[in-house]
Amino acid sequence: MGKKYAVFIDGDNISSSYLDAIMTEIVKENDDILIKRIYGDWTTTNMNSWKDKLQNSPIRIFQQFRNGENATDNAIIMDAIELAIQKKDINAFCIVSTDADYYSLALRLRENGKYVLGIGKETSKIIWQNSCNKFVKIENILKDEKLSKESNEEELLEENNNTENTEKIIENNIDNENKKEVISRKVKIVYRKLTDLDTITNLDTIFEYGFIYSRINTDGWIGLADFGSCINAKYPSFDPRTYGAERLLPLIRSHYKDEDIEIKNDNHFPPNYYLRKK
């Protein structure tokens, strides 16, 4: 069964410029949004950009005066809990905020069998990120949007030229030993060279956890889907886009040397992929 979301946006905490990208992210797996709400103190000038944005975006507006430091947070928490109890057709909640005060709400919703997607900036505290089933960083959503735009521009450029000749020139000039950055019109993925030692170490730790705790068959193979699910259960904010890849499989391929890992598929369509350390 697909997810049916109730989306709560902390308008005091999130910029209106992110709205379209956030909504696209929520429904990217063909899920539905049944309820959309945004909270804030609409009497203040800092909500003016939201007023303009919502002229063309059908989202219910909720007024909350700043009678206390966490007034908006408390309103969202109470309404989300009430909705979780009353609306049985809602099986997923998306909380859009960088504020860590929502971590207790995420835990409570999950106790009631609800899926929780958190969306906020990468500066969000770890406790908020790890309280969700999945946490998506706004910076990664914006990377994805920028990449899609760049890919579309690349396609238009190729259409105005001889596409076949262009692809042959590109293929002939890419050094096989240095395919750290590739732009593919079909796959639309960009790799970036990982030079930050802390980032590389962190990715090693994440992948090692996946290899240790994922389900392994008698031949030592791990399904890519199981590998990803295992990692996300431990690290809800894990996202291949953080490391410059659009999906998990290209990230694994760029991170490991060929002599360190085996990757195969079952030749189905779409294919199921499997991993095994050598």
Foldseek 3Di string as FASTA:
>chain_A
DAAEEAEEEALVADDPVLVVLVVCVVCVVVHHYPAAEYEDAVVDPSCVNVVVSCVPPPHHYDHFDPPDPCRRVVVVLVVVVVCLVPPVNHQEYEYEHLDQVCLVSLQVSVVSRHAYEYEEAPPRDQSSCLSHLAYEHSVLSVVVVVLVVVLVVVVVVCVVDPVVVVVVVVVVPDDPVPPQFDADSVVSFGGDDDDDPVVLVVVVVLQVQLLVPFDADPVQKGWPVSSVSSSCNRRRHDAVSVRRTRDDVVSVPSSDDPQFKDKDWPPDVVTTMIIHTD
